[in-house]
């Protein structure tokens, strides 16, 4: 799922670190919040792609796999028809139907239709017929989009079930719940969540730049 080209997440977060050292967290957040959301979404989508292909690699030689690849190519060549082309695969059932549903959300986001992308991802997250790892990915992506849309309750409803200690999406889910609490005006709850998240963000294997984002929010909440 290619949602953007030429976007350098590393460059954005280098500027984050520089602004943070100059103690300009508030001004920085207002300036870069959309890039942060976009960067996180791209990172999670990249992880989603790897996970998805690992799960379904065994199906590569099936006829359904060939149909899916053909649909992907056709959708890339004709973005305006992507919804119709991928929609047919999404309705076909099976493993590739699940992939096509993610692609439909990606196509909507590429057209800047965040509301439609959110609805598609929410539907995936709530579909018990889809494998749990994919539902988790959809929930996190949908939650970040809900934040971008200012829909704090929807972000919480998607992310909170993933904040358990053994959940693989815990760190992202905690970040979402903290941002949602802050957006809703509950600064005490937001501070508690980001305080809990701070030591976790320093653990080996934590998402890159999560620590910087946590520090930005704690500085803002302290002010």
N, C-alpha and C. Protein backbone atom coordinates (compact mmCIF):
# COMPACT_ATOMS: atom_id res chain seq x y z
N UNK A 1 0.86 -1.20 0.00
CA UNK A 1 0.00 0.00 0.00
C UNK A 1 0.88 1.23 0.00
N UNK A 2 0.93 1.94 -1.10
CA UNK A 2 1.79 3.11 -1.19
C UNK A 2 0.93 4.35 -1.06
N UNK A 3 1.01 4.99 0.08
CA UNK A 3 0.15 6.13 0.35
C UNK A 3 0.82 7.46 0.05
N UNK A 4 2.12 7.44 -0.01
CA UNK A 4 2.82 8.68 -0.29
C UNK A 4 4.18 8.37 -0.85
N UNK A 5 4.72 9.27 -1.68
CA UNK A 5 6.03 9.08 -2.25
C UNK A 5 6.90 10.24 -1.83
N UNK A 6 8.20 9.93 -1.60
CA UNK A 6 9.13 10.98 -1.28
C UNK A 6 9.03 11.49 0.14
N UNK A 7 8.25 10.86 0.96
CA UNK A 7 8.08 11.31 2.35
C UNK A 7 9.17 10.70 3.20
N UNK A 8 9.99 11.53 3.81
CA UNK A 8 11.12 11.06 4.61
C UNK A 8 10.80 11.24 6.08
N UNK A 9 10.38 10.15 6.71
CA UNK A 9 10.03 10.21 8.13
C UNK A 9 11.24 10.62 8.96
N UNK A 10 12.42 10.11 8.59
CA UNK A 10 13.63 10.42 9.37
C UNK A 10 13.89 11.92 9.39
N UNK A 11 13.69 12.60 8.26
CA UNK A 11 13.92 14.05 8.21
C UNK A 11 12.97 14.79 9.14
N UNK A 12 11.73 14.37 9.16
CA UNK A 12 10.74 15.03 10.02
C UNK A 12 11.15 14.88 11.48
N UNK A 13 11.54 13.66 11.88
CA UNK A 13 11.85 13.45 13.28
C UNK A 13 13.21 14.01 13.68
N UNK A 14 14.09 14.25 12.72
CA UNK A 14 15.32 14.98 13.04
C UNK A 14 14.99 16.40 13.45
N UNK A 15 14.04 17.01 12.74
CA UNK A 15 13.60 18.34 13.12
C UNK A 15 12.89 18.32 14.46
N UNK A 16 12.20 17.22 14.73
CA UNK A 16 11.54 17.08 16.04
C UNK A 16 12.58 17.17 17.16
N UNK A 17 13.65 16.40 17.03
CA UNK A 17 14.68 16.39 18.08
C UNK A 17 15.32 17.76 18.24
N UNK A 18 15.55 18.46 17.13
CA UNK A 18 16.17 19.79 17.21
C UNK A 18 15.24 20.77 17.92
N UNK A 19 13.98 20.76 17.56
CA UNK A 19 13.04 21.67 18.20
C UNK A 19 12.87 21.35 19.68
N UNK A 20 12.90 20.06 20.00
CA UNK A 20 12.74 19.67 21.40
C UNK A 20 13.91 20.18 22.23
N UNK A 21 15.13 20.08 21.69
CA UNK A 21 16.29 20.58 22.42
C UNK A 21 16.22 22.08 22.62
N UNK A 22 15.55 22.79 21.72
CA UNK A 22 15.42 24.24 21.87
C UNK A 22 14.20 24.60 22.71
N UNK A 23 13.61 23.59 23.32
CA UNK A 23 12.48 23.81 24.23
C UNK A 23 11.34 24.54 23.55
N UNK A 24 10.99 24.06 22.35
CA UNK A 24 9.88 24.67 21.61
C UNK A 24 8.82 23.62 21.31
N UNK A 25 8.52 22.79 22.30
CA UNK A 25 7.63 21.66 22.08
C UNK A 25 6.23 22.09 21.65
N UNK A 26 5.71 23.13 22.24
CA UNK A 26 4.34 23.55 21.94
C UNK A 26 4.24 24.01 20.50
N UNK A 27 5.14 24.90 20.11
CA UNK A 27 5.12 25.39 18.74
C UNK A 27 5.37 24.26 17.76
N UNK A 28 6.25 23.37 18.13
CA UNK A 28 6.56 22.24 17.27
C UNK A 28 5.33 21.36 17.03
N UNK A 29 4.64 21.01 18.11
CA UNK A 29 3.49 20.12 17.98
C UNK A 29 2.45 20.69 17.03
N UNK A 30 2.18 21.98 17.16
CA UNK A 30 1.20 22.60 16.28
C UNK A 30 1.65 22.55 14.82
N UNK A 31 2.96 22.64 14.62
CA UNK A 31 3.48 22.67 13.27
C UNK A 31 3.54 21.30 12.62
N UNK A 32 3.88 20.27 13.42
CA UNK A 32 4.20 18.97 12.84
C UNK A 32 3.19 17.87 13.14
N UNK A 33 2.08 18.16 13.79
CA UNK A 33 1.21 17.06 14.21
C UNK A 33 0.71 16.23 13.02
N UNK A 34 0.39 16.86 11.89
CA UNK A 34 -0.08 16.10 10.74
C UNK A 34 1.01 15.19 10.18
N UNK A 35 2.27 15.68 10.20
CA UNK A 35 3.36 14.84 9.73
C UNK A 35 3.56 13.65 10.66
N UNK A 36 3.38 13.87 11.96
CA UNK A 36 3.54 12.78 12.92
C UNK A 36 2.51 11.69 12.63
N UNK A 37 1.25 12.11 12.46
CA UNK A 37 0.21 11.13 12.16
C UNK A 37 0.54 10.38 10.88
N UNK A 38 0.92 11.13 9.84
CA UNK A 38 1.23 10.49 8.56
C UNK A 38 2.40 9.54 8.69
N UNK A 39 3.45 9.99 9.41
CA UNK A 39 4.62 9.14 9.58
C UNK A 39 4.30 7.86 10.31
N UNK A 40 3.52 7.96 11.37
CA UNK A 40 3.15 6.77 12.14
C UNK A 40 2.33 5.83 11.27
N UNK A 41 1.39 6.37 10.53
CA UNK A 41 0.55 5.54 9.67
C UNK A 41 1.39 4.80 8.64
N UNK A 42 2.35 5.51 8.03
CA UNK A 42 3.20 4.87 7.03
C UNK A 42 4.05 3.76 7.65
N UNK A 43 4.57 4.01 8.86
CA UNK A 43 5.39 3.00 9.53
C UNK A 43 4.55 1.77 9.83
N UNK A 44 3.34 1.98 10.37
CA UNK A 44 2.49 0.84 10.72
C UNK A 44 2.05 0.10 9.46
N UNK A 45 1.75 0.86 8.40
CA UNK A 45 1.37 0.21 7.15
C UNK A 45 2.51 -0.64 6.59
N UNK A 46 3.74 -0.14 6.73
CA UNK A 46 4.88 -0.92 6.28
C UNK A 46 5.00 -2.22 7.06
N UNK A 47 4.82 -2.13 8.37
CA UNK A 47 4.84 -3.33 9.21
C UNK A 47 3.68 -4.26 8.83
N UNK A 48 2.53 -3.65 8.56
CA UNK A 48 1.36 -4.45 8.17
C UNK A 48 1.65 -5.25 6.91
N UNK A 49 2.31 -4.60 5.94
CA UNK A 49 2.60 -5.29 4.70
C UNK A 49 3.47 -6.51 4.92
N UNK A 50 4.51 -6.37 5.75
CA UNK A 50 5.39 -7.49 6.04
C UNK A 50 4.64 -8.60 6.74
N UNK A 51 3.84 -8.22 7.76
CA UNK A 51 3.09 -9.21 8.52
C UNK A 51 2.11 -9.96 7.64
N UNK A 52 1.39 -9.21 6.83
CA UNK A 52 0.39 -9.81 5.96
C UNK A 52 1.02 -10.82 5.02
N UNK A 53 2.11 -10.45 4.41
CA UNK A 53 2.71 -11.36 3.44
C UNK A 53 3.33 -12.58 4.11
N UNK A 54 3.78 -12.43 5.34
CA UNK A 54 4.28 -13.59 6.07
C UNK A 54 3.15 -14.57 6.37
N UNK A 55 2.01 -14.01 6.77
CA UNK A 55 0.86 -14.86 7.11
C UNK A 55 0.35 -15.61 5.89
N UNK A 56 0.33 -14.94 4.75
CA UNK A 56 -0.32 -15.52 3.58
C UNK A 56 0.63 -15.95 2.46
N UNK A 57 1.89 -16.05 2.78
CA UNK A 57 2.87 -16.43 1.77
C UNK A 57 2.55 -17.79 1.14
N UNK A 58 1.97 -18.68 1.95
CA UNK A 58 1.67 -20.03 1.48
C UNK A 58 0.62 -20.03 0.37
N UNK A 59 -0.09 -18.91 0.23
CA UNK A 59 -1.15 -18.86 -0.78
C UNK A 59 -0.69 -18.24 -2.11
N UNK A 60 0.61 -17.97 -2.24
CA UNK A 60 1.07 -17.20 -3.38
C UNK A 60 0.79 -17.88 -4.72
N UNK A 61 0.75 -19.20 -4.73
CA UNK A 61 0.58 -19.91 -6.00
C UNK A 61 -0.88 -20.19 -6.34
N UNK A 62 -1.75 -19.75 -5.50
CA UNK A 62 -3.17 -19.97 -5.77
C UNK A 62 -3.66 -19.02 -6.86
N UNK A 63 -4.71 -19.42 -7.50
CA UNK A 63 -5.30 -18.56 -8.53
C UNK A 63 -5.76 -17.24 -7.94
N UNK A 64 -6.23 -17.28 -6.70
CA UNK A 64 -6.68 -16.05 -6.05
C UNK A 64 -5.54 -15.06 -5.92
N UNK A 65 -4.32 -15.58 -5.70
CA UNK A 65 -3.16 -14.70 -5.60
C UNK A 65 -2.90 -14.00 -6.91
N UNK A 66 -3.01 -14.69 -8.00
CA UNK A 66 -2.81 -14.09 -9.31
C UNK A 66 -3.84 -13.01 -9.59
N UNK A 67 -5.08 -13.29 -9.22
CA UNK A 67 -6.15 -12.31 -9.42
C UNK A 67 -5.91 -11.06 -8.58
N UNK A 68 -5.43 -11.27 -7.36
CA UNK A 68 -5.16 -10.14 -6.47
C UNK A 68 -4.04 -9.26 -7.03
N UNK A 69 -2.95 -9.89 -7.46
CA UNK A 69 -1.84 -9.13 -8.02
C UNK A 69 -2.29 -8.36 -9.26
N UNK A 70 -3.08 -9.00 -10.11
CA UNK A 70 -3.58 -8.31 -11.30
C UNK A 70 -4.44 -7.12 -10.93
N UNK A 71 -5.26 -7.28 -9.90
CA UNK A 71 -6.11 -6.18 -9.45
C UNK A 71 -5.29 -5.03 -8.89
N UNK A 72 -4.24 -5.37 -8.14
CA UNK A 72 -3.35 -4.34 -7.59
C UNK A 72 -2.71 -3.53 -8.71
N UNK A 73 -2.21 -4.21 -9.73
CA UNK A 73 -1.57 -3.52 -10.85
C UNK A 73 -2.57 -2.63 -11.57
N UNK A 74 -3.76 -3.16 -11.81
CA UNK A 74 -4.79 -2.38 -12.50
C UNK A 74 -5.20 -1.15 -11.69
N UNK A 75 -5.29 -1.31 -10.37
CA UNK A 75 -5.67 -0.20 -9.50
C UNK A 75 -4.60 0.89 -9.49
N UNK A 76 -3.33 0.47 -9.54
CA UNK A 76 -2.25 1.45 -9.57
C UNK A 76 -2.21 2.20 -10.89
N UNK A 77 -2.56 1.52 -11.95
CA UNK A 77 -2.56 2.15 -13.27
C UNK A 77 -3.76 3.07 -13.46
N UNK A 78 -4.84 2.78 -12.75
CA UNK A 78 -6.06 3.58 -12.87
C UNK A 78 -6.61 3.86 -11.47
N UNK A 79 -5.99 4.82 -10.74
CA UNK A 79 -6.39 5.07 -9.34
C UNK A 79 -7.86 5.41 -9.17
N UNK A 80 -8.47 6.06 -10.16
CA UNK A 80 -9.88 6.42 -10.03
C UNK A 80 -10.78 5.20 -9.98
N UNK A 81 -10.32 4.11 -10.55
CA UNK A 81 -11.12 2.87 -10.55
C UNK A 81 -10.66 1.89 -9.49
N UNK A 82 -9.74 2.33 -8.62
CA UNK A 82 -9.18 1.42 -7.62
C UNK A 82 -10.25 0.82 -6.73
N UNK A 83 -11.23 1.64 -6.32
CA UNK A 83 -12.28 1.15 -5.44
C UNK A 83 -13.07 0.02 -6.08
N UNK A 84 -13.43 0.20 -7.34
CA UNK A 84 -14.20 -0.83 -8.03
C UNK A 84 -13.38 -2.09 -8.25
N UNK A 85 -12.13 -1.91 -8.68
CA UNK A 85 -11.27 -3.06 -8.97
C UNK A 85 -10.98 -3.87 -7.71
N UNK A 86 -10.53 -3.18 -6.67
CA UNK A 86 -10.20 -3.88 -5.43
C UNK A 86 -11.44 -4.36 -4.71
N UNK A 87 -12.56 -3.65 -4.91
CA UNK A 87 -13.80 -4.05 -4.27
C UNK A 87 -14.24 -5.44 -4.70
N UNK A 88 -14.00 -5.77 -5.95
CA UNK A 88 -14.36 -7.10 -6.43
C UNK A 88 -13.55 -8.18 -5.72
N UNK A 89 -12.27 -7.91 -5.51
CA UNK A 89 -11.43 -8.87 -4.78
C UNK A 89 -11.88 -8.96 -3.32
N UNK A 90 -12.21 -7.81 -2.73
CA UNK A 90 -12.62 -7.77 -1.32
C UNK A 90 -13.88 -8.59 -1.08
N UNK A 91 -14.72 -8.71 -2.09
CA UNK A 91 -15.96 -9.47 -1.95
C UNK A 91 -15.81 -10.94 -2.32
N UNK A 92 -14.62 -11.32 -2.77
CA UNK A 92 -14.44 -12.67 -3.28
C UNK A 92 -14.22 -13.71 -2.18
N UNK A 93 -13.90 -13.25 -0.96
CA UNK A 93 -13.65 -14.18 0.13
C UNK A 93 -12.21 -14.68 0.11
N UNK A 94 -11.78 -15.25 1.22
CA UNK A 94 -10.44 -15.79 1.29
C UNK A 94 -9.40 -14.79 1.75
N UNK A 95 -8.15 -15.24 1.74
CA UNK A 95 -7.05 -14.43 2.27
C UNK A 95 -6.87 -13.13 1.51
N UNK A 96 -6.95 -13.19 0.20
CA UNK A 96 -6.69 -12.00 -0.59
C UNK A 96 -7.80 -10.98 -0.51
N UNK A 97 -8.97 -11.42 -0.14
CA UNK A 97 -10.05 -10.47 0.12
C UNK A 97 -9.69 -9.58 1.30
N UNK A 98 -9.03 -10.17 2.29
CA UNK A 98 -8.61 -9.38 3.46
C UNK A 98 -7.55 -8.35 3.06
N UNK A 99 -6.60 -8.75 2.23
CA UNK A 99 -5.59 -7.82 1.76
C UNK A 99 -6.23 -6.69 0.97
N UNK A 100 -7.18 -7.03 0.13
CA UNK A 100 -7.83 -6.03 -0.71
C UNK A 100 -8.57 -5.00 0.14
N UNK A 101 -9.09 -5.41 1.27
CA UNK A 101 -9.78 -4.46 2.15
C UNK A 101 -8.80 -3.43 2.71
N UNK A 102 -7.59 -3.87 3.03
CA UNK A 102 -6.56 -2.91 3.44
C UNK A 102 -6.20 -1.99 2.28
N UNK A 103 -6.10 -2.55 1.09
CA UNK A 103 -5.76 -1.74 -0.07
C UNK A 103 -6.84 -0.70 -0.36
N UNK A 104 -8.09 -1.06 -0.14
CA UNK A 104 -9.18 -0.10 -0.32
C UNK A 104 -9.02 1.08 0.63
N UNK A 105 -8.65 0.78 1.87
CA UNK A 105 -8.41 1.86 2.84
C UNK A 105 -7.22 2.71 2.41
N UNK A 106 -6.17 2.06 1.92
CA UNK A 106 -5.02 2.80 1.43
C UNK A 106 -5.36 3.68 0.26
N UNK A 107 -6.19 3.18 -0.65
CA UNK A 107 -6.59 3.97 -1.81
C UNK A 107 -7.41 5.18 -1.38
N UNK A 108 -8.28 5.00 -0.41
CA UNK A 108 -9.08 6.12 0.10
C UNK A 108 -8.19 7.17 0.74
N UNK A 109 -7.20 6.73 1.49
CA UNK A 109 -6.29 7.66 2.13
C UNK A 109 -5.44 8.40 1.10
N UNK A 110 -5.05 7.69 0.04
CA UNK A 110 -4.28 8.32 -1.03
C UNK A 110 -5.09 9.42 -1.71
N UNK A 111 -6.41 9.27 -1.71
CA UNK A 111 -7.29 10.30 -2.28
C UNK A 111 -7.70 11.33 -1.23
N UNK A 112 -7.06 11.26 -0.06
CA UNK A 112 -7.32 12.18 1.07
C UNK A 112 -8.73 12.04 1.61
N UNK A 113 -9.34 10.89 1.41
CA UNK A 113 -10.67 10.64 1.98
C UNK A 113 -10.46 9.88 3.29
N UNK A 114 -10.09 10.62 4.32
CA UNK A 114 -9.75 10.00 5.60
C UNK A 114 -10.97 9.37 6.27
N UNK A 115 -12.12 9.98 6.10
CA UNK A 115 -13.34 9.44 6.72
C UNK A 115 -13.65 8.05 6.15
N UNK A 116 -13.53 7.92 4.83
CA UNK A 116 -13.80 6.62 4.20
C UNK A 116 -12.76 5.61 4.63
N UNK A 117 -11.49 6.02 4.66
CA UNK A 117 -10.43 5.11 5.10
C UNK A 117 -10.69 4.64 6.53
N UNK A 118 -11.11 5.57 7.38
CA UNK A 118 -11.41 5.21 8.77
C UNK A 118 -12.53 4.17 8.83
N UNK A 119 -13.60 4.39 8.08
CA UNK A 119 -14.72 3.45 8.09
C UNK A 119 -14.28 2.06 7.63
N UNK A 120 -13.45 2.01 6.59
CA UNK A 120 -12.99 0.73 6.08
C UNK A 120 -12.12 0.00 7.10
N UNK A 121 -11.22 0.74 7.75
CA UNK A 121 -10.34 0.13 8.74
C UNK A 121 -11.12 -0.30 9.98
N UNK A 122 -12.09 0.49 10.39
CA UNK A 122 -12.92 0.12 11.54
C UNK A 122 -13.68 -1.16 11.27
N UNK A 123 -14.15 -1.30 10.04
CA UNK A 123 -14.88 -2.52 9.67
C UNK A 123 -13.97 -3.74 9.74
N UNK A 124 -12.74 -3.58 9.29
CA UNK A 124 -11.78 -4.70 9.38
C UNK A 124 -11.51 -5.04 10.84
N UNK A 125 -11.28 -4.00 11.65
CA UNK A 125 -10.96 -4.22 13.06
C UNK A 125 -12.08 -4.95 13.80
N UNK A 126 -13.31 -4.74 13.37
CA UNK A 126 -14.44 -5.34 14.06
C UNK A 126 -14.94 -6.63 13.44
N UNK A 127 -14.24 -7.15 12.44
CA UNK A 127 -14.68 -8.34 11.73
C UNK A 127 -14.04 -9.58 12.36
N UNK A 128 -14.82 -10.36 13.07
CA UNK A 128 -14.30 -11.55 13.76
C UNK A 128 -13.80 -12.61 12.79
N UNK A 129 -14.18 -12.50 11.52
CA UNK A 129 -13.74 -13.47 10.53
C UNK A 129 -12.34 -13.22 10.02
N UNK A 130 -11.71 -12.12 10.45
CA UNK A 130 -10.37 -11.77 10.03
C UNK A 130 -9.38 -12.13 11.13
N UNK A 131 -8.20 -12.56 10.75
CA UNK A 131 -7.19 -12.97 11.73
C UNK A 131 -6.87 -11.83 12.69
N UNK A 132 -6.63 -12.19 13.95
CA UNK A 132 -6.41 -11.20 15.00
C UNK A 132 -5.25 -10.23 14.70
N UNK A 133 -4.11 -10.67 14.16
CA UNK A 133 -3.04 -9.71 13.86
C UNK A 133 -3.48 -8.63 12.89
N UNK A 134 -4.28 -9.01 11.90
CA UNK A 134 -4.75 -8.03 10.93
C UNK A 134 -5.79 -7.10 11.55
N UNK A 135 -6.63 -7.62 12.41
CA UNK A 135 -7.60 -6.77 13.09
C UNK A 135 -6.88 -5.73 13.95
N UNK A 136 -5.79 -6.17 14.61
CA UNK A 136 -5.02 -5.23 15.44
C UNK A 136 -4.40 -4.12 14.61
N UNK A 137 -3.83 -4.48 13.48
CA UNK A 137 -3.24 -3.47 12.59
C UNK A 137 -4.31 -2.48 12.15
N UNK A 138 -5.46 -3.00 11.74
CA UNK A 138 -6.54 -2.13 11.29
C UNK A 138 -7.01 -1.21 12.40
N UNK A 139 -7.08 -1.73 13.62
CA UNK A 139 -7.53 -0.91 14.75
C UNK A 139 -6.56 0.24 15.02
N UNK A 140 -5.25 -0.04 14.98
CA UNK A 140 -4.27 1.01 15.23
C UNK A 140 -4.31 2.06 14.12
N UNK A 141 -4.34 1.62 12.89
CA UNK A 141 -4.41 2.57 11.78
C UNK A 141 -5.67 3.41 11.87
N UNK A 142 -6.79 2.76 12.12
CA UNK A 142 -8.05 3.49 12.24
C UNK A 142 -8.04 4.47 13.40
N UNK A 143 -7.40 4.08 14.50
CA UNK A 143 -7.34 4.96 15.67
C UNK A 143 -6.53 6.22 15.37
N UNK A 144 -5.40 6.07 14.67
CA UNK A 144 -4.61 7.25 14.32
C UNK A 144 -5.39 8.16 13.37
N UNK A 145 -6.13 7.57 12.46
CA UNK A 145 -6.95 8.39 11.57
C UNK A 145 -8.05 9.12 12.35
N UNK A 146 -8.63 8.44 13.33
CA UNK A 146 -9.65 9.08 14.16
C UNK A 146 -9.06 10.29 14.89
N UNK A 147 -7.82 10.16 15.37
CA UNK A 147 -7.16 11.31 15.99
C UNK A 147 -7.03 12.46 15.00
N UNK A 148 -6.60 12.14 13.80
CA UNK A 148 -6.42 13.16 12.77
C UNK A 148 -7.74 13.84 12.44
N UNK A 149 -8.84 13.11 12.58
CA UNK A 149 -10.17 13.65 12.30
C UNK A 149 -10.79 14.32 13.53
N UNK A 150 -10.09 14.27 14.68
CA UNK A 150 -10.62 14.87 15.90
C UNK A 150 -11.74 14.07 16.53
N UNK A 151 -11.81 12.78 16.22
CA UNK A 151 -12.86 11.91 16.76
C UNK A 151 -12.27 11.09 17.91
N UNK A 152 -12.18 11.74 19.05
CA UNK A 152 -11.46 11.16 20.18
C UNK A 152 -12.10 9.87 20.70
N UNK A 153 -13.43 9.84 20.79
CA UNK A 153 -14.11 8.65 21.30
C UNK A 153 -13.87 7.44 20.40
N UNK A 154 -13.88 7.67 19.09
CA UNK A 154 -13.65 6.56 18.16
C UNK A 154 -12.22 6.07 18.25
N UNK A 155 -11.28 6.98 18.43
CA UNK A 155 -9.89 6.58 18.60
C UNK A 155 -9.74 5.70 19.84
N UNK A 156 -10.37 6.12 20.93
CA UNK A 156 -10.30 5.35 22.17
C UNK A 156 -10.93 3.96 22.02
N UNK A 157 -12.08 3.91 21.38
CA UNK A 157 -12.77 2.63 21.27
C UNK A 157 -11.96 1.62 20.47
N UNK A 158 -11.17 2.08 19.52
CA UNK A 158 -10.35 1.17 18.74
C UNK A 158 -9.06 0.79 19.47
N UNK A 159 -8.47 1.76 20.18
CA UNK A 159 -7.15 1.54 20.76
C UNK A 159 -7.16 0.90 22.14
N UNK A 160 -8.11 1.27 22.98
CA UNK A 160 -8.09 0.80 24.38
C UNK A 160 -8.05 -0.72 24.53
N UNK A 161 -8.75 -1.49 23.70
CA UNK A 161 -8.66 -2.95 23.85
C UNK A 161 -7.27 -3.52 23.58
N UNK A 162 -6.38 -2.72 23.00
CA UNK A 162 -5.05 -3.20 22.63
C UNK A 162 -3.96 -2.76 23.61
N UNK A 163 -4.34 -2.18 24.75
CA UNK A 163 -3.36 -1.63 25.69
C UNK A 163 -2.89 -2.63 26.75
N UNK A 164 -3.36 -3.85 26.68
CA UNK A 164 -2.93 -4.87 27.65
C UNK A 164 -1.44 -5.16 27.56
N UNK A 165 -0.85 -5.63 28.64
CA UNK A 165 0.59 -5.82 28.73
C UNK A 165 1.15 -6.77 27.67
N UNK A 166 0.41 -7.78 27.30
CA UNK A 166 0.92 -8.76 26.36
C UNK A 166 0.49 -8.50 24.92
N UNK A 167 -0.22 -7.41 24.70
CA UNK A 167 -0.67 -7.13 23.34
C UNK A 167 0.49 -6.58 22.50
N UNK A 168 0.71 -7.10 21.30
CA UNK A 168 1.84 -6.64 20.48
C UNK A 168 1.70 -5.19 20.02
N UNK A 169 0.49 -4.63 20.10
CA UNK A 169 0.28 -3.26 19.66
C UNK A 169 0.14 -2.30 20.84
N UNK A 170 0.61 -2.74 22.00
CA UNK A 170 0.38 -1.98 23.22
C UNK A 170 0.93 -0.56 23.15
N UNK A 171 2.16 -0.38 22.70
CA UNK A 171 2.79 0.94 22.73
C UNK A 171 2.03 1.93 21.83
N UNK A 172 1.70 1.49 20.64
CA UNK A 172 0.93 2.37 19.75
C UNK A 172 -0.44 2.67 20.34
N UNK A 173 -1.06 1.66 20.95
CA UNK A 173 -2.38 1.86 21.54
C UNK A 173 -2.34 2.85 22.70
N UNK A 174 -1.29 2.77 23.53
CA UNK A 174 -1.16 3.71 24.64
C UNK A 174 -0.95 5.14 24.12
N UNK A 175 -0.15 5.27 23.07
CA UNK A 175 0.05 6.60 22.50
C UNK A 175 -1.27 7.18 22.00
N UNK A 176 -2.05 6.35 21.32
CA UNK A 176 -3.34 6.82 20.82
C UNK A 176 -4.25 7.24 21.97
N UNK A 177 -4.33 6.42 23.01
CA UNK A 177 -5.23 6.76 24.11
C UNK A 177 -4.79 8.04 24.82
N UNK A 178 -3.46 8.23 24.92
CA UNK A 178 -2.96 9.47 25.51
C UNK A 178 -3.31 10.69 24.69
N UNK A 179 -3.13 10.59 23.38
CA UNK A 179 -3.46 11.70 22.50
C UNK A 179 -4.97 11.97 22.47
N UNK A 180 -5.74 10.89 22.51
CA UNK A 180 -7.19 11.05 22.52
C UNK A 180 -7.66 11.74 23.80
N UNK A 181 -7.08 11.35 24.94
CA UNK A 181 -7.44 11.99 26.20
C UNK A 181 -7.06 13.47 26.17
N UNK A 182 -5.89 13.76 25.63
CA UNK A 182 -5.47 15.16 25.53
C UNK A 182 -6.41 15.93 24.61
N UNK A 183 -6.75 15.35 23.47
CA UNK A 183 -7.64 16.02 22.54
C UNK A 183 -9.01 16.28 23.14
N UNK A 184 -9.46 15.37 24.00
CA UNK A 184 -10.77 15.51 24.62
C UNK A 184 -10.73 16.45 25.83
N UNK A 185 -9.54 16.95 26.19
CA UNK A 185 -9.42 17.90 27.29
C UNK A 185 -9.12 17.28 28.64
N UNK A 186 -8.92 15.97 28.68
CA UNK A 186 -8.61 15.30 29.95
C UNK A 186 -7.09 15.23 30.11
N UNK A 187 -6.49 16.33 30.54
CA UNK A 187 -5.03 16.41 30.62
C UNK A 187 -4.46 15.51 31.71
N UNK A 188 -5.21 15.31 32.78
CA UNK A 188 -4.73 14.45 33.86
C UNK A 188 -4.57 13.01 33.35
N UNK A 189 -5.57 12.54 32.63
CA UNK A 189 -5.50 11.18 32.08
C UNK A 189 -4.39 11.08 31.05
N UNK A 190 -4.27 12.10 30.21
CA UNK A 190 -3.22 12.08 29.19
C UNK A 190 -1.84 12.03 29.84
N UNK A 191 -1.65 12.81 30.88
CA UNK A 191 -0.35 12.83 31.56
C UNK A 191 -0.05 11.48 32.18
N UNK A 192 -1.05 10.86 32.77
CA UNK A 192 -0.85 9.53 33.39
C UNK A 192 -0.45 8.50 32.33
N UNK A 193 -1.08 8.56 31.17
CA UNK A 193 -0.79 7.59 30.11
C UNK A 193 0.62 7.80 29.56
N UNK A 194 0.98 9.05 29.29
CA UNK A 194 2.31 9.30 28.73
C UNK A 194 3.41 9.05 29.76
N UNK A 195 3.10 9.25 31.04
CA UNK A 195 4.06 8.91 32.09
C UNK A 195 4.29 7.41 32.13
N UNK A 196 3.22 6.64 31.98
CA UNK A 196 3.34 5.18 31.90
C UNK A 196 4.10 4.75 30.66
N UNK A 197 3.91 5.47 29.57
CA UNK A 197 4.51 5.09 28.30
C UNK A 197 6.00 5.44 28.21
N UNK A 198 6.42 6.45 28.97
CA UNK A 198 7.81 6.93 28.84
C UNK A 198 8.86 5.83 29.02
N UNK A 199 8.84 5.07 30.12
CA UNK A 199 9.87 4.01 30.26
C UNK A 199 9.72 2.91 29.22
N UNK A 200 8.50 2.65 28.78
CA UNK A 200 8.28 1.62 27.76
C UNK A 200 8.87 2.04 26.42
N UNK A 201 8.86 3.34 26.15
CA UNK A 201 9.39 3.85 24.89
C UNK A 201 10.90 3.72 24.80
N UNK A 202 11.55 3.47 25.94
CA UNK A 202 13.00 3.35 25.97
C UNK A 202 13.46 1.90 25.87
N UNK A 203 12.52 0.98 25.86
CA UNK A 203 12.87 -0.44 25.77
C UNK A 203 13.35 -0.76 24.36
N UNK A 204 14.33 -1.63 24.26
CA UNK A 204 14.82 -2.06 22.95
C UNK A 204 13.69 -2.65 22.14
N UNK A 205 13.59 -2.23 20.90
CA UNK A 205 12.53 -2.72 20.03
C UNK A 205 11.32 -1.82 19.98
N UNK A 206 11.28 -0.77 20.80
CA UNK A 206 10.17 0.19 20.75
C UNK A 206 10.23 0.95 19.44
N UNK A 207 9.09 1.40 18.94
CA UNK A 207 9.08 2.15 17.67
C UNK A 207 10.04 3.33 17.69
N UNK A 208 10.69 3.55 16.59
CA UNK A 208 11.63 4.65 16.47
C UNK A 208 10.92 5.98 16.71
N UNK A 209 11.58 6.85 17.46
CA UNK A 209 11.09 8.20 17.74
C UNK A 209 9.90 8.26 18.67
N UNK A 210 9.43 7.11 19.18
CA UNK A 210 8.34 7.14 20.14
C UNK A 210 8.75 7.93 21.38
N UNK A 211 9.99 7.72 21.84
CA UNK A 211 10.47 8.43 23.02
C UNK A 211 10.38 9.95 22.82
N UNK A 212 10.78 10.44 21.65
CA UNK A 212 10.71 11.88 21.39
C UNK A 212 9.28 12.38 21.42
N UNK A 213 8.35 11.61 20.85
CA UNK A 213 6.95 12.04 20.84
C UNK A 213 6.38 12.07 22.25
N UNK A 214 6.76 11.08 23.06
CA UNK A 214 6.30 11.05 24.45
C UNK A 214 6.83 12.26 25.22
N UNK A 215 8.09 12.58 25.02
CA UNK A 215 8.68 13.73 25.71
C UNK A 215 8.02 15.03 25.29
N UNK A 216 7.68 15.14 24.02
CA UNK A 216 6.98 16.34 23.53
C UNK A 216 5.67 16.52 24.28
N UNK A 217 4.92 15.43 24.40
CA UNK A 217 3.61 15.52 25.05
C UNK A 217 3.74 15.80 26.54
N UNK A 218 4.72 15.18 27.20
CA UNK A 218 4.90 15.43 28.63
C UNK A 218 5.34 16.86 28.87
N UNK A 219 6.18 17.42 28.00
CA UNK A 219 6.56 18.84 28.11
C UNK A 219 5.34 19.74 27.94
N UNK A 220 4.53 19.39 26.97
CA UNK A 220 3.33 20.20 26.73
C UNK A 220 2.37 20.13 27.91
N UNK A 221 2.20 18.95 28.47
CA UNK A 221 1.29 18.77 29.60
C UNK A 221 1.84 19.44 30.86
N UNK A 222 3.17 19.44 31.00
CA UNK A 222 3.77 20.10 32.16
C UNK A 222 3.59 21.61 32.07
N UNK A 223 3.52 22.13 30.84
CA UNK A 223 3.38 23.58 30.67
C UNK A 223 1.96 24.04 30.86
